Amino acid sequence: MTLNPEPNRPASPSPCFHRVITRHPGAAEWVGQQLGRAVHAVPHLELDEIESGGSYYGVFPLHLAAAICAKGSACWAIAVNMPPALRGQELSAEQLDELGAELVHYDVRVIAGLGTPATKSSTS
């Protein structure tokens, strides 16, 4: 699997839709601030819910990120270096800003797998 980070903020998003996947209200608010618009967040994403032609924002396991990219959608990760003392705590949008969070666009592809169900599903 290769990861090609593009550390840019989506200045003028052109996809048909924007989906924020997070169970954290502060993260959802922070993504909305980065996009310059209100967003609706959902707490979970299933492989069969991934659609083409949009942008997904959140913190994704690699197989979901690969599936998003394989469908032709953009995968934007919330990247933040979290100090150990803050792990497990809810962070506000302001705290994410203070920690230097950024949206990073990734192009994730499956290169090889051992035939596990997650690997097979992410490329179909």
N, C-alpha and C. Protein backbone atom coordinates (compact mmCIF):
# COMPACT_ATOMS: atom_id res chain seq x y z
N MET A 1 0.85 -1.16 0.00
CA MET A 1 0.00 0.00 0.00
C MET A 1 0.90 1.23 0.00
N THR A 2 0.59 2.22 -0.84
CA THR A 2 1.38 3.44 -0.86
C THR A 2 0.53 4.59 -0.36
N LEU A 3 1.17 5.52 0.29
CA LEU A 3 0.50 6.71 0.77
C LEU A 3 1.21 7.90 0.17
N ASN A 4 0.48 8.73 -0.53
CA ASN A 4 1.05 9.93 -1.12
C ASN A 4 0.37 11.14 -0.53
N PRO A 5 0.96 11.72 0.52
CA PRO A 5 0.30 12.87 1.15
C PRO A 5 0.43 14.13 0.31
N GLU A 6 -0.62 14.88 0.27
CA GLU A 6 -0.63 16.20 -0.35
C GLU A 6 -1.10 17.17 0.72
N PRO A 7 -0.17 17.79 1.46
CA PRO A 7 -0.61 18.63 2.59
C PRO A 7 -1.18 19.97 2.16
N ASN A 8 -2.38 19.94 1.64
CA ASN A 8 -3.06 21.15 1.20
C ASN A 8 -4.44 21.19 1.83
N ARG A 9 -4.93 22.38 1.99
CA ARG A 9 -6.32 22.52 2.42
C ARG A 9 -7.16 22.66 1.15
N PRO A 10 -8.34 22.09 1.14
CA PRO A 10 -9.19 22.20 -0.05
C PRO A 10 -9.71 23.63 -0.20
N ALA A 11 -9.01 24.44 -0.99
CA ALA A 11 -9.34 25.86 -1.13
C ALA A 11 -10.72 26.07 -1.73
N SER A 12 -10.99 25.44 -2.85
CA SER A 12 -12.30 25.58 -3.47
C SER A 12 -12.78 24.20 -3.89
N PRO A 13 -13.37 23.46 -2.95
CA PRO A 13 -13.78 22.10 -3.25
C PRO A 13 -14.76 22.05 -4.41
N SER A 14 -14.52 21.10 -5.33
CA SER A 14 -15.40 20.98 -6.47
C SER A 14 -16.18 19.68 -6.52
N PRO A 15 -15.96 18.73 -5.59
CA PRO A 15 -16.72 17.49 -5.67
C PRO A 15 -18.22 17.72 -5.49
N CYS A 16 -18.98 16.72 -5.85
CA CYS A 16 -20.44 16.80 -5.75
C CYS A 16 -20.91 16.82 -4.30
N PHE A 17 -20.18 16.18 -3.41
CA PHE A 17 -20.62 16.12 -2.02
C PHE A 17 -19.41 16.08 -1.10
N HIS A 18 -19.66 16.42 0.17
CA HIS A 18 -18.64 16.39 1.22
C HIS A 18 -19.22 15.58 2.37
N ARG A 19 -18.50 14.54 2.80
CA ARG A 19 -18.95 13.72 3.92
C ARG A 19 -17.89 13.77 5.01
N VAL A 20 -18.32 14.13 6.20
CA VAL A 20 -17.44 14.16 7.36
C VAL A 20 -17.78 12.93 8.19
N ILE A 21 -16.76 12.10 8.42
CA ILE A 21 -16.95 10.88 9.17
C ILE A 21 -16.18 11.01 10.48
N THR A 22 -16.91 11.28 11.55
CA THR A 22 -16.30 11.38 12.88
C THR A 22 -17.39 11.33 13.93
N ARG A 23 -17.03 10.81 15.08
CA ARG A 23 -17.96 10.83 16.23
C ARG A 23 -17.60 11.95 17.18
N HIS A 24 -16.66 12.81 16.79
CA HIS A 24 -16.18 13.88 17.65
C HIS A 24 -16.72 15.24 17.19
N PRO A 25 -17.57 15.88 17.99
CA PRO A 25 -18.15 17.16 17.60
C PRO A 25 -17.10 18.23 17.29
N GLY A 26 -16.03 18.29 18.06
CA GLY A 26 -14.98 19.28 17.82
C GLY A 26 -14.31 19.09 16.47
N ALA A 27 -14.09 17.84 16.09
CA ALA A 27 -13.48 17.55 14.79
C ALA A 27 -14.43 17.94 13.65
N ALA A 28 -15.72 17.65 13.81
CA ALA A 28 -16.69 18.02 12.78
C ALA A 28 -16.75 19.54 12.62
N GLU A 29 -16.77 20.25 13.75
CA GLU A 29 -16.78 21.71 13.68
C GLU A 29 -15.51 22.23 13.01
N TRP A 30 -14.36 21.65 13.36
CA TRP A 30 -13.08 22.08 12.80
C TRP A 30 -13.04 21.86 11.28
N VAL A 31 -13.52 20.70 10.80
CA VAL A 31 -13.56 20.45 9.35
C VAL A 31 -14.45 21.48 8.69
N GLY A 32 -15.60 21.77 9.27
CA GLY A 32 -16.49 22.79 8.72
C GLY A 32 -15.81 24.14 8.61
N GLN A 33 -15.02 24.50 9.62
CA GLN A 33 -14.28 25.75 9.56
C GLN A 33 -13.25 25.74 8.43
N GLN A 34 -12.59 24.61 8.22
CA GLN A 34 -11.60 24.52 7.15
C GLN A 34 -12.26 24.63 5.77
N LEU A 35 -13.46 24.09 5.67
CA LEU A 35 -14.19 24.13 4.39
C LEU A 35 -14.95 25.43 4.20
N GLY A 36 -15.11 26.19 5.29
CA GLY A 36 -15.86 27.43 5.20
C GLY A 36 -17.35 27.23 5.05
N ARG A 37 -17.86 26.13 5.64
CA ARG A 37 -19.28 25.84 5.55
C ARG A 37 -19.69 24.91 6.67
N ALA A 38 -20.96 24.90 6.97
CA ALA A 38 -21.49 23.97 7.96
C ALA A 38 -21.45 22.56 7.37
N VAL A 39 -21.17 21.59 8.20
CA VAL A 39 -21.11 20.20 7.74
C VAL A 39 -21.97 19.33 8.64
N HIS A 40 -22.42 18.24 8.09
CA HIS A 40 -23.13 17.22 8.86
C HIS A 40 -22.19 16.03 8.96
N ALA A 41 -21.92 15.60 10.18
CA ALA A 41 -21.01 14.48 10.40
C ALA A 41 -21.79 13.22 10.73
N VAL A 42 -21.28 12.10 10.27
CA VAL A 42 -21.82 10.79 10.65
C VAL A 42 -20.70 10.04 11.37
N PRO A 43 -21.07 9.22 12.35
CA PRO A 43 -20.04 8.59 13.18
C PRO A 43 -19.33 7.39 12.57
N HIS A 44 -19.86 6.84 11.47
CA HIS A 44 -19.31 5.59 10.96
C HIS A 44 -19.53 5.51 9.45
N LEU A 45 -18.63 4.84 8.75
CA LEU A 45 -18.74 4.64 7.30
C LEU A 45 -18.53 3.17 6.99
N GLU A 46 -19.48 2.58 6.29
CA GLU A 46 -19.37 1.20 5.82
C GLU A 46 -18.87 1.20 4.39
N LEU A 47 -18.19 0.13 3.99
CA LEU A 47 -17.67 0.03 2.62
C LEU A 47 -18.77 0.23 1.58
N ASP A 48 -19.94 -0.35 1.81
CA ASP A 48 -21.01 -0.25 0.81
C ASP A 48 -21.68 1.12 0.78
N GLU A 49 -21.29 2.04 1.68
CA GLU A 49 -21.83 3.40 1.68
C GLU A 49 -20.95 4.38 0.91
N ILE A 50 -19.78 3.94 0.48
CA ILE A 50 -18.84 4.82 -0.21
C ILE A 50 -19.33 5.05 -1.63
N GLU A 51 -19.39 6.32 -2.01
CA GLU A 51 -19.84 6.71 -3.34
C GLU A 51 -18.71 7.40 -4.09
N SER A 52 -18.85 7.48 -5.39
CA SER A 52 -17.84 8.16 -6.20
C SER A 52 -18.18 9.64 -6.36
N GLY A 53 -17.15 10.42 -6.68
CA GLY A 53 -17.35 11.81 -7.03
C GLY A 53 -17.44 12.81 -5.90
N GLY A 54 -16.99 12.45 -4.72
CA GLY A 54 -17.08 13.39 -3.61
C GLY A 54 -15.81 13.46 -2.80
N SER A 55 -15.92 14.03 -1.63
CA SER A 55 -14.80 14.11 -0.70
C SER A 55 -15.24 13.59 0.65
N TYR A 56 -14.38 12.78 1.26
CA TYR A 56 -14.60 12.24 2.59
C TYR A 56 -13.54 12.80 3.51
N TYR A 57 -13.95 13.25 4.70
CA TYR A 57 -13.06 13.87 5.68
C TYR A 57 -13.16 13.10 6.99
N GLY A 58 -12.03 12.78 7.59
CA GLY A 58 -12.03 12.09 8.86
C GLY A 58 -10.68 11.45 9.14
N VAL A 59 -10.69 10.46 10.01
CA VAL A 59 -9.51 9.65 10.29
C VAL A 59 -9.91 8.23 9.94
N PHE A 60 -9.31 7.69 8.87
CA PHE A 60 -9.77 6.44 8.29
C PHE A 60 -8.75 5.31 8.43
N PRO A 61 -9.23 4.08 8.67
CA PRO A 61 -8.32 2.94 8.54
C PRO A 61 -7.92 2.82 7.06
N LEU A 62 -6.77 2.24 6.82
CA LEU A 62 -6.23 2.21 5.45
C LEU A 62 -7.18 1.55 4.45
N HIS A 63 -7.86 0.47 4.83
CA HIS A 63 -8.73 -0.19 3.87
C HIS A 63 -9.90 0.71 3.46
N LEU A 64 -10.42 1.54 4.37
CA LEU A 64 -11.48 2.48 4.00
C LEU A 64 -10.93 3.60 3.13
N ALA A 65 -9.76 4.12 3.47
CA ALA A 65 -9.14 5.16 2.66
C ALA A 65 -8.90 4.65 1.24
N ALA A 66 -8.43 3.41 1.11
CA ALA A 66 -8.20 2.83 -0.21
C ALA A 66 -9.51 2.67 -0.98
N ALA A 67 -10.57 2.27 -0.29
CA ALA A 67 -11.87 2.11 -0.94
C ALA A 67 -12.43 3.45 -1.40
N ILE A 68 -12.25 4.49 -0.60
CA ILE A 68 -12.69 5.83 -0.98
C ILE A 68 -11.98 6.25 -2.27
N CYS A 69 -10.68 6.07 -2.30
CA CYS A 69 -9.88 6.47 -3.48
C CYS A 69 -10.23 5.60 -4.69
N ALA A 70 -10.44 4.31 -4.47
CA ALA A 70 -10.78 3.41 -5.58
C ALA A 70 -12.11 3.79 -6.23
N LYS A 71 -13.00 4.38 -5.47
CA LYS A 71 -14.30 4.83 -6.00
C LYS A 71 -14.20 6.15 -6.74
N GLY A 72 -13.01 6.77 -6.72
CA GLY A 72 -12.85 8.05 -7.40
C GLY A 72 -13.21 9.24 -6.55
N SER A 73 -13.32 9.04 -5.26
CA SER A 73 -13.56 10.15 -4.34
C SER A 73 -12.25 10.57 -3.70
N ALA A 74 -12.25 11.74 -3.10
CA ALA A 74 -11.07 12.26 -2.42
C ALA A 74 -11.11 11.88 -0.95
N CYS A 75 -9.97 11.48 -0.42
CA CYS A 75 -9.85 11.09 0.98
C CYS A 75 -8.99 12.13 1.69
N TRP A 76 -9.63 12.89 2.58
CA TRP A 76 -8.95 13.94 3.36
C TRP A 76 -8.86 13.48 4.80
N ALA A 77 -7.65 13.39 5.32
CA ALA A 77 -7.45 12.96 6.70
C ALA A 77 -7.24 14.17 7.60
N ILE A 78 -7.79 14.09 8.80
CA ILE A 78 -7.51 15.08 9.83
C ILE A 78 -6.19 14.65 10.46
N ALA A 79 -5.14 15.41 10.21
CA ALA A 79 -3.81 15.07 10.71
C ALA A 79 -3.46 15.99 11.87
N VAL A 80 -3.13 15.38 13.00
CA VAL A 80 -2.76 16.16 14.18
C VAL A 80 -1.81 15.32 15.02
N ASN A 81 -0.75 15.93 15.49
CA ASN A 81 0.17 15.27 16.41
C ASN A 81 -0.40 15.43 17.81
N MET A 82 -0.96 14.35 18.30
CA MET A 82 -1.67 14.37 19.57
C MET A 82 -0.73 14.07 20.73
N PRO A 83 -0.59 14.98 21.66
CA PRO A 83 0.22 14.69 22.84
C PRO A 83 -0.42 13.55 23.65
N PRO A 84 0.38 12.68 24.23
CA PRO A 84 -0.18 11.55 24.99
C PRO A 84 -1.18 11.98 26.07
N ALA A 85 -0.96 13.12 26.68
CA ALA A 85 -1.86 13.58 27.76
C ALA A 85 -3.26 13.88 27.25
N LEU A 86 -3.41 14.15 25.94
CA LEU A 86 -4.74 14.49 25.39
C LEU A 86 -5.44 13.30 24.74
N ARG A 87 -4.75 12.18 24.60
CA ARG A 87 -5.37 11.01 23.96
C ARG A 87 -6.59 10.56 24.76
N GLY A 88 -7.63 10.23 24.04
CA GLY A 88 -8.86 9.77 24.68
C GLY A 88 -9.77 10.88 25.15
N GLN A 89 -9.37 12.13 24.98
CA GLN A 89 -10.20 13.26 25.38
C GLN A 89 -10.88 13.87 24.15
N GLU A 90 -12.04 14.45 24.38
CA GLU A 90 -12.71 15.19 23.31
C GLU A 90 -11.99 16.52 23.14
N LEU A 91 -11.64 16.85 21.91
CA LEU A 91 -10.98 18.11 21.62
C LEU A 91 -11.93 19.05 20.91
N SER A 92 -11.83 20.32 21.22
CA SER A 92 -12.64 21.33 20.55
C SER A 92 -11.96 21.72 19.24
N ALA A 93 -12.69 22.42 18.40
CA ALA A 93 -12.11 22.95 17.17
C ALA A 93 -10.93 23.86 17.49
N GLU A 94 -11.05 24.64 18.55
CA GLU A 94 -9.97 25.55 18.94
C GLU A 94 -8.72 24.77 19.35
N GLN A 95 -8.91 23.68 20.10
CA GLN A 95 -7.76 22.87 20.49
C GLN A 95 -7.08 22.24 19.28
N LEU A 96 -7.88 21.81 18.30
CA LEU A 96 -7.29 21.25 17.08
C LEU A 96 -6.45 22.30 16.36
N ASP A 97 -6.96 23.52 16.31
CA ASP A 97 -6.17 24.62 15.73
C ASP A 97 -4.87 24.83 16.50
N GLU A 98 -4.97 24.88 17.81
CA GLU A 98 -3.78 25.09 18.65
C GLU A 98 -2.74 23.99 18.46
N LEU A 99 -3.19 22.77 18.20
CA LEU A 99 -2.29 21.64 17.99
C LEU A 99 -1.74 21.58 16.57
N GLY A 100 -2.18 22.52 15.71
CA GLY A 100 -1.68 22.55 14.34
C GLY A 100 -2.29 21.52 13.42
N ALA A 101 -3.53 21.13 13.70
CA ALA A 101 -4.20 20.15 12.85
C ALA A 101 -4.30 20.68 11.42
N GLU A 102 -4.32 19.75 10.49
CA GLU A 102 -4.50 20.12 9.09
C GLU A 102 -5.25 19.02 8.36
N LEU A 103 -5.86 19.38 7.26
CA LEU A 103 -6.48 18.40 6.37
C LEU A 103 -5.43 18.01 5.34
N VAL A 104 -5.22 16.71 5.20
CA VAL A 104 -4.23 16.20 4.26
C VAL A 104 -4.93 15.27 3.28
N HIS A 105 -4.78 15.56 2.00
CA HIS A 105 -5.38 14.75 0.95
C HIS A 105 -4.46 13.57 0.64
N TYR A 106 -4.99 12.36 0.76
CA TYR A 106 -4.21 11.16 0.50
C TYR A 106 -4.76 10.41 -0.70
N ASP A 107 -3.86 9.81 -1.45
CA ASP A 107 -4.21 8.87 -2.51
C ASP A 107 -3.71 7.52 -2.02
N VAL A 108 -4.63 6.66 -1.61
CA VAL A 108 -4.27 5.37 -1.02
C VAL A 108 -4.72 4.26 -1.97
N ARG A 109 -3.79 3.37 -2.28
CA ARG A 109 -4.10 2.25 -3.16
C ARG A 109 -3.64 0.95 -2.53
N VAL A 110 -4.40 -0.10 -2.75
CA VAL A 110 -3.98 -1.43 -2.34
C VAL A 110 -2.97 -1.92 -3.37
N ILE A 111 -1.79 -2.30 -2.91
CA ILE A 111 -0.75 -2.84 -3.79
C ILE A 111 -0.81 -4.35 -3.78
N ALA A 112 -0.93 -4.94 -2.63
CA ALA A 112 -1.01 -6.40 -2.49
C ALA A 112 -1.72 -6.71 -1.19
N GLY A 113 -2.28 -7.89 -1.12
CA GLY A 113 -2.95 -8.31 0.10
C GLY A 113 -2.83 -9.80 0.27
N LEU A 114 -3.22 -10.26 1.40
CA LEU A 114 -3.17 -11.69 1.70
C LEU A 114 -4.53 -12.34 1.52
N GLY A 115 -5.45 -11.61 0.89
CA GLY A 115 -6.77 -12.17 0.62
C GLY A 115 -7.74 -12.07 1.76
N THR A 116 -7.50 -11.17 2.69
CA THR A 116 -8.44 -10.99 3.78
C THR A 116 -9.69 -10.30 3.26
N PRO A 117 -10.83 -10.48 3.92
CA PRO A 117 -12.06 -9.83 3.45
C PRO A 117 -11.92 -8.31 3.32
N ALA A 118 -11.23 -7.65 4.22
CA ALA A 118 -11.08 -6.20 4.14
C ALA A 118 -10.31 -5.80 2.90
N THR A 119 -9.27 -6.56 2.55
CA THR A 119 -8.48 -6.26 1.36
C THR A 119 -9.31 -6.48 0.10
N LYS A 120 -10.06 -7.56 0.06
CA LYS A 120 -10.89 -7.84 -1.12
C LYS A 120 -11.97 -6.79 -1.30
N SER A 121 -12.60 -6.34 -0.21
CA SER A 121 -13.68 -5.38 -0.29
C SER A 121 -13.21 -4.01 -0.71
N SER A 122 -11.99 -3.63 -0.35
CA SER A 122 -11.54 -2.28 -0.59
C SER A 122 -11.26 -1.99 -2.05
N THR A 123 -11.14 -3.01 -2.88
CA THR A 123 -10.86 -2.75 -4.29
C THR A 123 -12.03 -3.09 -5.19
N SER A 124 -13.14 -3.53 -4.63
CA SER A 124 -14.28 -3.88 -5.48
C SER A 124 -15.24 -2.74 -5.63
